Amino acid sequence: MGIIGGLIVAFGLVTIPLPGPGWLTVIAGLFVLATEFTWAERLLEYTKKQVKRWTDWVTSQPVWVRIVIALATALFVYGVVVLVLHVFGVPSWVPGWVPLWH
């Protein structure tokens, strides 16, 4: 399970800057690693505490702050998508009517 968990974490770390579930994949890999390793279990517990802290903080904020956080997140994801499309090009399976450069 250690090798499988390590591969899942590695895949998650590689995909963090890309749109998609990068951090979720890392956490899933930590779940797998935590079945065998104490250090992974401690790291997973620390991660869960930090996620809960962040979630509690965000939910305690006024609506306008949550909207700003959501917009900043959306702009970041949009920027990553544009950067990935610029570097790797638009996939051939994307329909021609989609307003992207080719």
PDB file of N, CA and C in Angstrom:
ATOM      1  N   MET A   1       0.814  -1.198   0.000  1.00  0.00           N
ATOM      2  CA  MET A   1       0.000   0.000   0.000  1.00  0.00           C
ATOM      3  C   MET A   1       0.859   1.265   0.000  1.00  0.00           C
ATOM      4  N   GLY A   2       2.064   1.152   0.515  1.00  0.00           N
ATOM      5  CA  GLY A   2       2.951   2.303   0.558  1.00  0.00           C
ATOM      6  C   GLY A   2       3.292   2.822  -0.826  1.00  0.00           C
ATOM      7  N   ILE A   3       3.561   1.904  -1.735  1.00  0.00           N
ATOM      8  CA  ILE A   3       3.898   2.306  -3.114  1.00  0.00           C
ATOM      9  C   ILE A   3       2.679   2.930  -3.788  1.00  0.00           C
ATOM     10  N   ILE A   4       1.535   2.306  -3.607  1.00  0.00           N
ATOM     11  CA  ILE A   4       0.307   2.839  -4.226  1.00  0.00           C
ATOM     12  C   ILE A   4      -0.011   4.224  -3.664  1.00  0.00           C
ATOM     13  N   GLY A   5       0.065   4.364  -2.341  1.00  0.00           N
ATOM     14  CA  GLY A   5      -0.187   5.672  -1.726  1.00  0.00           C
ATOM     15  C   GLY A   5       0.805   6.719  -2.190  1.00  0.00           C
ATOM     16  N   GLY A   6       2.079   6.323  -2.298  1.00  0.00           N
ATOM     17  CA  GLY A   6       3.097   7.253  -2.792  1.00  0.00           C
ATOM     18  C   GLY A   6       2.835   7.694  -4.218  1.00  0.00           C
ATOM     19  N   LEU A   7       2.399   6.770  -5.057  1.00  0.00           N
ATOM     20  CA  LEU A   7       2.071   7.117  -6.446  1.00  0.00           C
ATOM     21  C   LEU A   7       0.873   8.057  -6.519  1.00  0.00           C
ATOM     22  N   ILE A   8      -0.125   7.801  -5.669  1.00  0.00           N
ATOM     23  CA  ILE A   8      -1.305   8.680  -5.654  1.00  0.00           C
ATOM     24  C   ILE A   8      -0.912  10.087  -5.209  1.00  0.00           C
ATOM     25  N   VAL A   9      -0.099  10.175  -4.160  1.00  0.00           N
ATOM     26  CA  VAL A   9       0.358  11.497  -3.683  1.00  0.00           C
ATOM     27  C   VAL A   9       1.177  12.189  -4.766  1.00  0.00           C
ATOM     28  N   ALA A  10       2.085  11.456  -5.401  1.00  0.00           N
ATOM     29  CA  ALA A  10       2.920  12.047  -6.455  1.00  0.00           C
ATOM     30  C   ALA A  10       2.060  12.562  -7.602  1.00  0.00           C
ATOM     31  N   PHE A  11       1.080  11.774  -8.021  1.00  0.00           N
ATOM     32  CA  PHE A  11       0.172  12.210  -9.091  1.00  0.00           C
ATOM     33  C   PHE A  11      -0.586  13.464  -8.661  1.00  0.00           C
ATOM     34  N   GLY A  12      -1.056  13.476  -7.421  1.00  0.00           N
ATOM     35  CA  GLY A  12      -1.769  14.645  -6.916  1.00  0.00           C
ATOM     36  C   GLY A  12      -0.903  15.886  -6.888  1.00  0.00           C
ATOM     37  N   LEU A  13       0.355  15.732  -6.460  1.00  0.00           N
ATOM     38  CA  LEU A  13       1.263  16.880  -6.421  1.00  0.00           C
ATOM     39  C   LEU A  13       1.527  17.442  -7.814  1.00  0.00           C
ATOM     40  N   VAL A  14       1.642  16.555  -8.793  1.00  0.00           N
ATOM     41  CA  VAL A  14       1.874  16.999 -10.171  1.00  0.00           C
ATOM     42  C   VAL A  14       0.657  17.747 -10.708  1.00  0.00           C
ATOM     43  N   THR A  15      -0.544  17.311 -10.308  1.00  0.00           N
ATOM     44  CA  THR A  15      -1.766  17.913 -10.863  1.00  0.00           C
ATOM     45  C   THR A  15      -2.295  19.100 -10.059  1.00  0.00           C
ATOM     46  N   ILE A  16      -1.628  19.480  -8.976  1.00  0.00           N
ATOM     47  CA  ILE A  16      -2.120  20.618  -8.185  1.00  0.00           C
ATOM     48  C   ILE A  16      -2.249  21.894  -9.017  1.00  0.00           C
ATOM     49  N   PRO A  17      -1.263  22.263  -9.825  1.00  0.00           N
ATOM     50  CA  PRO A  17      -1.435  23.524 -10.566  1.00  0.00           C
ATOM     51  C   PRO A  17      -2.452  23.432 -11.703  1.00  0.00           C
ATOM     52  N   LEU A  18      -2.869  22.244 -12.071  1.00  0.00           N
ATOM     53  CA  LEU A  18      -3.837  22.085 -13.152  1.00  0.00           C
ATOM     54  C   LEU A  18      -5.249  22.139 -12.587  1.00  0.00           C
ATOM     55  N   PRO A  19      -6.222  22.523 -13.409  1.00  0.00           N
ATOM     56  CA  PRO A  19      -7.610  22.486 -12.932  1.00  0.00           C
ATOM     57  C   PRO A  19      -7.999  21.035 -12.649  1.00  0.00           C
ATOM     58  N   GLY A  20      -8.606  20.838 -11.530  1.00  0.00           N
ATOM     59  CA  GLY A  20      -9.018  19.492 -11.154  1.00  0.00           C
ATOM     60  C   GLY A  20      -8.715  19.213  -9.698  1.00  0.00           C
ATOM     61  N   PRO A  21      -8.882  17.985  -9.318  1.00  0.00           N
ATOM     62  CA  PRO A  21      -8.794  17.647  -7.887  1.00  0.00           C
ATOM     63  C   PRO A  21      -7.383  17.320  -7.410  1.00  0.00           C
ATOM     64  N   GLY A  22      -6.415  18.184  -7.632  1.00  0.00           N
ATOM     65  CA  GLY A  22      -5.040  17.909  -7.230  1.00  0.00           C
ATOM     66  C   GLY A  22      -4.893  17.690  -5.738  1.00  0.00           C
ATOM     67  N   TRP A  23      -5.371  18.644  -4.933  1.00  0.00           N
ATOM     68  CA  TRP A  23      -5.248  18.504  -3.480  1.00  0.00           C
ATOM     69  C   TRP A  23      -6.066  17.341  -2.971  1.00  0.00           C
ATOM     70  N   LEU A  24      -7.225  17.126  -3.559  1.00  0.00           N
ATOM     71  CA  LEU A  24      -8.054  15.992  -3.150  1.00  0.00           C
ATOM     72  C   LEU A  24      -7.327  14.678  -3.399  1.00  0.00           C
ATOM     73  N   THR A  25      -6.602  14.593  -4.496  1.00  0.00           N
ATOM     74  CA  THR A  25      -5.820  13.396  -4.807  1.00  0.00           C
ATOM     75  C   THR A  25      -4.685  13.218  -3.807  1.00  0.00           C
ATOM     76  N   VAL A  26      -4.029  14.296  -3.431  1.00  0.00           N
ATOM     77  CA  VAL A  26      -2.960  14.216  -2.424  1.00  0.00           C
ATOM     78  C   VAL A  26      -3.522  13.693  -1.110  1.00  0.00           C
ATOM     79  N   ILE A  27      -4.663  14.214  -0.691  1.00  0.00           N
ATOM     80  CA  ILE A  27      -5.271  13.777   0.560  1.00  0.00           C
ATOM     81  C   ILE A  27      -5.697  12.315   0.474  1.00  0.00           C
ATOM     82  N   ALA A  28      -6.208  11.900  -0.668  1.00  0.00           N
ATOM     83  CA  ALA A  28      -6.565  10.484  -0.850  1.00  0.00           C
ATOM     84  C   ALA A  28      -5.325   9.607  -0.725  1.00  0.00           C
ATOM     85  N   GLY A  29      -4.217  10.044  -1.291  1.00  0.00           N
ATOM     86  CA  GLY A  29      -2.964   9.303  -1.163  1.00  0.00           C
ATOM     87  C   GLY A  29      -2.499   9.236   0.279  1.00  0.00           C
ATOM     88  N   LEU A  30      -2.695  10.323   1.022  1.00  0.00           N
ATOM     89  CA  LEU A  30      -2.336  10.309   2.442  1.00  0.00           C
ATOM     90  C   LEU A  30      -3.201   9.323   3.220  1.00  0.00           C
ATOM     91  N   PHE A  31      -4.471   9.222   2.854  1.00  0.00           N
ATOM     92  CA  PHE A  31      -5.342   8.226   3.481  1.00  0.00           C
ATOM     93  C   PHE A  31      -4.769   6.824   3.280  1.00  0.00           C
ATOM     94  N   VAL A  32      -4.339   6.536   2.071  1.00  0.00           N
ATOM     95  CA  VAL A  32      -3.760   5.216   1.774  1.00  0.00           C
ATOM     96  C   VAL A  32      -2.464   5.020   2.567  1.00  0.00           C
ATOM     97  N   LEU A  33      -1.598   6.018   2.562  1.00  0.00           N
ATOM     98  CA  LEU A  33      -0.328   5.912   3.283  1.00  0.00           C
ATOM     99  C   LEU A  33      -0.538   5.800   4.800  1.00  0.00           C
ATOM    100  N   ALA A  34      -1.585   6.444   5.312  1.00  0.00           N
ATOM    101  CA  ALA A  34      -1.843   6.437   6.751  1.00  0.00           C
ATOM    102  C   ALA A  34      -2.237   5.055   7.256  1.00  0.00           C
ATOM    103  N   THR A  35      -2.611   4.161   6.365  1.00  0.00           N
ATOM    104  CA  THR A  35      -2.927   2.795   6.803  1.00  0.00           C
ATOM    105  C   THR A  35      -1.670   2.036   7.201  1.00  0.00           C
ATOM    106  N   GLU A  36      -0.487   2.519   6.772  1.00  0.00           N
ATOM    107  CA  GLU A  36       0.766   1.826   7.063  1.00  0.00           C
ATOM    108  C   GLU A  36       1.771   2.657   7.854  1.00  0.00           C
ATOM    109  N   PHE A  37       1.747   3.983   7.672  1.00  0.00           N
ATOM    110  CA  PHE A  37       2.803   4.817   8.238  1.00  0.00           C
ATOM    111  C   PHE A  37       2.239   5.829   9.233  1.00  0.00           C
ATOM    112  N   THR A  38       2.879   5.916  10.384  1.00  0.00           N
ATOM    113  CA  THR A  38       2.458   6.858  11.426  1.00  0.00           C
ATOM    114  C   THR A  38       2.657   8.300  10.989  1.00  0.00           C
ATOM    115  N   TRP A  39       3.761   8.579  10.287  1.00  0.00           N
ATOM    116  CA  TRP A  39       4.019   9.954   9.853  1.00  0.00           C
ATOM    117  C   TRP A  39       2.924  10.434   8.908  1.00  0.00           C
ATOM    118  N   ALA A  40       2.417   9.532   8.055  1.00  0.00           N
ATOM    119  CA  ALA A  40       1.350   9.909   7.124  1.00  0.00           C
ATOM    120  C   ALA A  40       0.051  10.149   7.880  1.00  0.00           C
ATOM    121  N   GLU A  41      -0.171   9.366   8.926  1.00  0.00           N
ATOM    122  CA  GLU A  41      -1.366   9.568   9.739  1.00  0.00           C
ATOM    123  C   GLU A  41      -1.323  10.924  10.441  1.00  0.00           C
ATOM    124  N   ARG A  42      -0.143  11.277  10.978  1.00  0.00           N
ATOM    125  CA  ARG A  42       0.006  12.597  11.625  1.00  0.00           C
ATOM    126  C   ARG A  42      -0.180  13.729  10.617  1.00  0.00           C
ATOM    127  N   LEU A  43       0.404  13.575   9.438  1.00  0.00           N
ATOM    128  CA  LEU A  43       0.264  14.595   8.403  1.00  0.00           C
ATOM    129  C   LEU A  43      -1.187  14.724   7.950  1.00  0.00           C
ATOM    130  N   LEU A  44      -1.880  13.608   7.848  1.00  0.00           N
ATOM    131  CA  LEU A  44      -3.290  13.628   7.469  1.00  0.00           C
ATOM    132  C   LEU A  44      -4.122  14.333   8.537  1.00  0.00           C
ATOM    133  N   GLU A  45      -3.848  14.054   9.808  1.00  0.00           N
ATOM    134  CA  GLU A  45      -4.567  14.723  10.895  1.00  0.00           C
ATOM    135  C   GLU A  45      -4.301  16.233  10.877  1.00  0.00           C
ATOM    136  N   TYR A  46      -3.054  16.614  10.659  1.00  0.00           N
ATOM    137  CA  TYR A  46      -2.705  18.033  10.564  1.00  0.00           C
ATOM    138  C   TYR A  46      -3.458  18.681   9.399  1.00  0.00           C
ATOM    139  N   THR A  47      -3.489  17.997   8.258  1.00  0.00           N
ATOM    140  CA  THR A  47      -4.177  18.521   7.076  1.00  0.00           C
ATOM    141  C   THR A  47      -5.663  18.689   7.353  1.00  0.00           C
ATOM    142  N   LYS A  48      -6.268  17.705   7.988  1.00  0.00           N
ATOM    143  CA  LYS A  48      -7.697  17.794   8.304  1.00  0.00           C
ATOM    144  C   LYS A  48      -7.975  18.971   9.237  1.00  0.00           C
ATOM    145  N   LYS A  49      -7.094  19.194  10.217  1.00  0.00           N
ATOM    146  CA  LYS A  49      -7.274  20.332  11.128  1.00  0.00           C
ATOM    147  C   LYS A  49      -7.185  21.657  10.377  1.00  0.00           C
ATOM    148  N   GLN A  50      -6.221  21.761   9.461  1.00  0.00           N
ATOM    149  CA  GLN A  50      -6.048  23.007   8.706  1.00  0.00           C
ATOM    150  C   GLN A  50      -7.238  23.253   7.773  1.00  0.00           C
ATOM    151  N   VAL A  51      -7.734  22.209   7.142  1.00  0.00           N
ATOM    152  CA  VAL A  51      -8.900  22.363   6.256  1.00  0.00           C
ATOM    153  C   VAL A  51     -10.109  22.799   7.079  1.00  0.00           C
ATOM    154  N   LYS A  52     -10.294  22.187   8.254  1.00  0.00           N
ATOM    155  CA  LYS A  52     -11.413  22.584   9.119  1.00  0.00           C
ATOM    156  C   LYS A  52     -11.250  24.029   9.577  1.00  0.00           C
ATOM    157  N   ARG A  53     -10.026  24.417   9.939  1.00  0.00           N
ATOM    158  CA  ARG A  53      -9.776  25.806  10.351  1.00  0.00           C
ATOM    159  C   ARG A  53     -10.141  26.785   9.233  1.00  0.00           C
ATOM    160  N   TRP A  54      -9.694  26.466   8.016  1.00  0.00           N
ATOM    161  CA  TRP A  54      -9.980  27.323   6.865  1.00  0.00           C
ATOM    162  C   TRP A  54     -11.483  27.382   6.603  1.00  0.00           C
ATOM    163  N   THR A  55     -12.139  26.231   6.638  1.00  0.00           N
ATOM    164  CA  THR A  55     -13.577  26.180   6.391  1.00  0.00           C
ATOM    165  C   THR A  55     -14.339  26.975   7.448  1.00  0.00           C
ATOM    166  N   ASP A  56     -13.972  26.805   8.711  1.00  0.00           N
ATOM    167  CA  ASP A  56     -14.625  27.567   9.783  1.00  0.00           C
ATOM    168  C   ASP A  56     -14.408  29.064   9.604  1.00  0.00           C
ATOM    169  N   TRP A  57     -13.185  29.456   9.214  1.00  0.00           N
ATOM    170  CA  TRP A  57     -12.907  30.873   9.021  1.00  0.00           C
ATOM    171  C   TRP A  57     -13.732  31.443   7.873  1.00  0.00           C
ATOM    172  N   VAL A  58     -13.757  30.731   6.755  1.00  0.00           N
ATOM    173  CA  VAL A  58     -14.493  31.228   5.586  1.00  0.00           C
ATOM    174  C   VAL A  58     -15.984  31.335   5.899  1.00  0.00           C
ATOM    175  N   THR A  59     -16.546  30.325   6.553  1.00  0.00           N
ATOM    176  CA  THR A  59     -17.986  30.375   6.836  1.00  0.00           C
ATOM    177  C   THR A  59     -18.351  31.439   7.857  1.00  0.00           C
ATOM    178  N   SER A  60     -17.376  31.891   8.655  1.00  0.00           N
ATOM    179  CA  SER A  60     -17.673  32.944   9.632  1.00  0.00           C
ATOM    180  C   SER A  60     -17.549  34.348   9.040  1.00  0.00           C
ATOM    181  N   GLN A  61     -17.102  34.445   7.810  1.00  0.00           N
ATOM    182  CA  GLN A  61     -16.902  35.746   7.163  1.00  0.00           C
ATOM    183  C   GLN A  61     -18.216  36.259   6.569  1.00  0.00           C
ATOM    184  N   PRO A  62     -18.296  37.574   6.387  1.00  0.00           N
ATOM    185  CA  PRO A  62     -19.481  38.130   5.710  1.00  0.00           C
ATOM    186  C   PRO A  62     -19.562  37.611   4.265  1.00  0.00           C
ATOM    187  N   VAL A  63     -20.734  37.714   3.717  1.00  0.00           N
ATOM    188  CA  VAL A  63     -20.970  37.197   2.368  1.00  0.00           C
ATOM    189  C   VAL A  63     -20.029  37.837   1.355  1.00  0.00           C
ATOM    190  N   TRP A  64     -19.761  39.126   1.486  1.00  0.00           N
ATOM    191  CA  TRP A  64     -18.918  39.798   0.493  1.00  0.00           C
ATOM    192  C   TRP A  64     -17.502  39.224   0.494  1.00  0.00           C
ATOM    193  N   VAL A  65     -16.994  38.814   1.663  1.00  0.00           N
ATOM    194  CA  VAL A  65     -15.659  38.219   1.725  1.00  0.00           C
ATOM    195  C   VAL A  65     -15.667  36.862   1.035  1.00  0.00           C
ATOM    196  N   ARG A  66     -16.715  36.083   1.270  1.00  0.00           N
ATOM    197  CA  ARG A  66     -16.813  34.775   0.609  1.00  0.00           C
ATOM    198  C   ARG A  66     -16.929  34.924  -0.906  1.00  0.00           C
ATOM    199  N   ILE A  67     -17.623  35.972  -1.341  1.00  0.00           N
ATOM    200  CA  ILE A  67     -17.738  36.218  -2.785  1.00  0.00           C
ATOM    201  C   ILE A  67     -16.372  36.595  -3.358  1.00  0.00           C
ATOM    202  N   VAL A  68     -15.623  37.435  -2.651  1.00  0.00           N
ATOM    203  CA  VAL A  68     -14.280  37.815  -3.113  1.00  0.00           C
ATOM    204  C   VAL A  68     -13.374  36.580  -3.188  1.00  0.00           C
ATOM    205  N   ILE A  69     -13.442  35.715  -2.185  1.00  0.00           N
ATOM    206  CA  ILE A  69     -12.643  34.479  -2.202  1.00  0.00           C
ATOM    207  C   ILE A  69     -13.043  33.603  -3.379  1.00  0.00           C
ATOM    208  N   ALA A  70     -14.337  33.477  -3.620  1.00  0.00           N
ATOM    209  CA  ALA A  70     -14.815  32.662  -4.745  1.00  0.00           C
ATOM    210  C   ALA A  70     -14.358  33.251  -6.072  1.00  0.00           C
ATOM    211  N   LEU A  71     -14.444  34.574  -6.215  1.00  0.00           N
ATOM    212  CA  LEU A  71     -14.002  35.217  -7.460  1.00  0.00           C
ATOM    213  C   LEU A  71     -12.498  35.070  -7.660  1.00  0.00           C
ATOM    214  N   ALA A  72     -11.730  35.231  -6.589  1.00  0.00           N
ATOM    215  CA  ALA A  72     -10.276  35.068  -6.694  1.00  0.00           C
ATOM    216  C   ALA A  72      -9.925  33.633  -7.092  1.00  0.00           C
ATOM    217  N   THR A  73     -10.634  32.673  -6.523  1.00  0.00           N
ATOM    218  CA  THR A  73     -10.409  31.269  -6.882  1.00  0.00           C
ATOM    219  C   THR A  73     -10.767  31.030  -8.339  1.00  0.00           C
ATOM    220  N   ALA A  74     -11.899  31.568  -8.776  1.00  0.00           N
ATOM    221  CA  ALA A  74     -12.317  31.395 -10.170  1.00  0.00           C
ATOM    222  C   ALA A  74     -11.317  32.040 -11.126  1.00  0.00           C
ATOM    223  N   LEU A  75     -10.814  33.222 -10.794  1.00  0.00           N
ATOM    224  CA  LEU A  75      -9.825  33.884 -11.641  1.00  0.00           C
ATOM    225  C   LEU A  75      -8.523  33.082 -11.700  1.00  0.00           C
ATOM    226  N   PHE A  76      -8.118  32.520 -10.576  1.00  0.00           N
ATOM    227  CA  PHE A  76      -6.910  31.693 -10.558  1.00  0.00           C
ATOM    228  C   PHE A  76      -7.085  30.466 -11.453  1.00  0.00           C
ATOM    229  N   VAL A  77      -8.212  29.779 -11.318  1.00  0.00           N
ATOM    230  CA  VAL A  77      -8.465  28.590 -12.141  1.00  0.00           C
ATOM    231  C   VAL A  77      -8.519  28.980 -13.614  1.00  0.00           C
ATOM    232  N   TYR A  78      -9.179  30.097 -13.931  1.00  0.00           N
ATOM    233  CA  TYR A  78      -9.241  30.564 -15.318  1.00  0.00           C
ATOM    234  C   TYR A  78      -7.831  30.832 -15.850  1.00  0.00           C
ATOM    235  N   GLY A  79      -7.005  31.487 -15.038  1.00  0.00           N
ATOM    236  CA  GLY A  79      -5.630  31.762 -15.455  1.00  0.00           C
ATOM    237  C   GLY A  79      -4.840  30.497 -15.709  1.00  0.00           C
ATOM    238  N   VAL A  80      -5.024  29.487 -14.858  1.00  0.00           N
ATOM    239  CA  VAL A  80      -4.333  28.210 -15.056  1.00  0.00           C
ATOM    240  C   VAL A  80      -4.805  27.541 -16.339  1.00  0.00           C
ATOM    241  N   VAL A  81      -6.110  27.575 -16.586  1.00  0.00           N
ATOM    242  CA  VAL A  81      -6.642  26.971 -17.818  1.00  0.00           C
ATOM    243  C   VAL A  81      -6.054  27.671 -19.044  1.00  0.00           C
ATOM    244  N   VAL A  82      -6.041  28.998 -19.039  1.00  0.00           N
ATOM    245  CA  VAL A  82      -5.488  29.749 -20.168  1.00  0.00           C
ATOM    246  C   VAL A  82      -4.006  29.423 -20.351  1.00  0.00           C
ATOM    247  N   LEU A  83      -3.261  29.370 -19.257  1.00  0.00           N
ATOM    248  CA  LEU A  83      -1.839  29.050 -19.330  1.00  0.00           C
ATOM    249  C   LEU A  83      -1.612  27.642 -19.887  1.00  0.00           C
ATOM    250  N   VAL A  84      -2.368  26.671 -19.404  1.00  0.00           N
ATOM    251  CA  VAL A  84      -2.228  25.290 -19.887  1.00  0.00           C
ATOM    252  C   VAL A  84      -2.569  25.211 -21.373  1.00  0.00           C
ATOM    253  N   LEU A  85      -3.645  25.887 -21.787  1.00  0.00           N
ATOM    254  CA  LEU A  85      -4.016  25.868 -23.213  1.00  0.00           C
ATOM    255  C   LEU A  85      -2.967  26.571 -24.057  1.00  0.00           C
ATOM    256  N   HIS A  86      -2.374  27.612 -23.513  1.00  0.00           N
ATOM    257  CA  HIS A  86      -1.340  28.336 -24.250  1.00  0.00           C
ATOM    258  C   HIS A  86      -0.081  27.484 -24.409  1.00  0.00           C
ATOM    259  N   VAL A  87       0.294  26.783 -23.362  1.00  0.00           N
ATOM    260  CA  VAL A  87       1.521  25.979 -23.388  1.00  0.00           C
ATOM    261  C   VAL A  87       1.327  24.698 -24.201  1.00  0.00           C
ATOM    262  N   PHE A  88       0.229  23.995 -23.951  1.00  0.00           N
ATOM    263  CA  PHE A  88       0.028  22.689 -24.580  1.00  0.00           C
ATOM    264  C   PHE A  88      -0.850  22.728 -25.824  1.00  0.00           C
ATOM    265  N   GLY A  89      -1.538  23.833 -26.047  1.00  0.00           N
ATOM    266  CA  GLY A  89      -2.433  23.930 -27.185  1.00  0.00           C
ATOM    267  C   GLY A  89      -3.817  23.404 -26.842  1.00  0.00           C
ATOM    268  N   VAL A  90      -4.759  23.757 -27.683  1.00  0.00           N
ATOM    269  CA  VAL A  90      -6.140  23.327 -27.483  1.00  0.00           C
ATOM    270  C   VAL A  90      -6.259  21.893 -27.982  1.00  0.00           C
ATOM    271  N   PRO A  91      -6.834  20.994 -27.180  1.00  0.00           N
ATOM    272  CA  PRO A  91      -6.991  19.604 -27.633  1.00  0.00           C
ATOM    273  C   PRO A  91      -7.863  19.520 -28.878  1.00  0.00           C
ATOM    274  N   SER A  92      -7.603  18.529 -29.687  1.00  0.00           N
ATOM    275  CA  SER A  92      -8.336  18.376 -30.948  1.00  0.00           C
ATOM    276  C   SER A  92      -9.802  18.038 -30.725  1.00  0.00           C
ATOM    277  N   TRP A  93     -10.145  17.501 -29.550  1.00  0.00           N
ATOM    278  CA  TRP A  93     -11.532  17.121 -29.299  1.00  0.00           C
ATOM    279  C   TRP A  93     -12.420  18.304 -28.915  1.00  0.00           C
ATOM    280  N   VAL A  94     -11.832  19.496 -28.726  1.00  0.00           N
ATOM    281  CA  VAL A  94     -12.625  20.683 -28.396  1.00  0.00           C
ATOM    282  C   VAL A  94     -13.318  21.162 -29.660  1.00  0.00           C
ATOM    283  N   PRO A  95     -14.650  21.358 -29.605  1.00  0.00           N
ATOM    284  CA  PRO A  95     -15.382  21.808 -30.802  1.00  0.00           C
ATOM    285  C   PRO A  95     -14.865  23.164 -31.292  1.00  0.00           C
ATOM    286  N   GLY A  96     -14.945  23.395 -32.571  1.00  0.00           N
ATOM    287  CA  GLY A  96     -14.443  24.622 -33.178  1.00  0.00           C
ATOM    288  C   GLY A  96     -15.162  25.879 -32.732  1.00  0.00           C
ATOM    289  N   TRP A  97     -16.406  25.753 -32.274  1.00  0.00           N
ATOM    290  CA  TRP A  97     -17.174  26.936 -31.869  1.00  0.00           C
ATOM    291  C   TRP A  97     -16.760  27.448 -30.492  1.00  0.00           C
ATOM    292  N   VAL A  98     -15.999  26.680 -29.736  1.00  0.00           N
ATOM    293  CA  VAL A  98     -15.538  27.136 -28.428  1.00  0.00           C
ATOM    294  C   VAL A  98     -14.558  28.282 -28.635  1.00  0.00           C
ATOM    295  N   PRO A  99     -14.772  29.421 -27.962  1.00  0.00           N
ATOM    296  CA  PRO A  99     -13.930  30.604 -28.213  1.00  0.00           C
ATOM    297  C   PRO A  99     -12.545  30.499 -27.589  1.00  0.00           C
ATOM    298  N   LEU A 100     -11.720  29.655 -28.149  1.00  0.00           N
ATOM    299  CA  LEU A 100     -10.328  29.494 -27.719  1.00  0.00           C
ATOM    300  C   LEU A 100      -9.450  29.634 -28.948  1.00  0.00           C
ATOM    301  N   TRP A 101      -8.200  29.997 -28.735  1.00  0.00           N
ATOM    302  CA  TRP A 101      -7.304  30.090 -29.870  1.00  0.00           C
ATOM    303  C   TRP A 101      -6.812  28.700 -30.262  1.00  0.00           C
ATOM    304  N   HIS A 102      -6.491  28.541 -31.533  1.00  0.00           N
ATOM    305  CA  HIS A 102      -5.994  27.230 -32.021  1.00  0.00           C
ATOM    306  C   HIS A 102      -4.609  27.384 -32.569  1.00  0.00           C
TER     307      HIS A 102
END
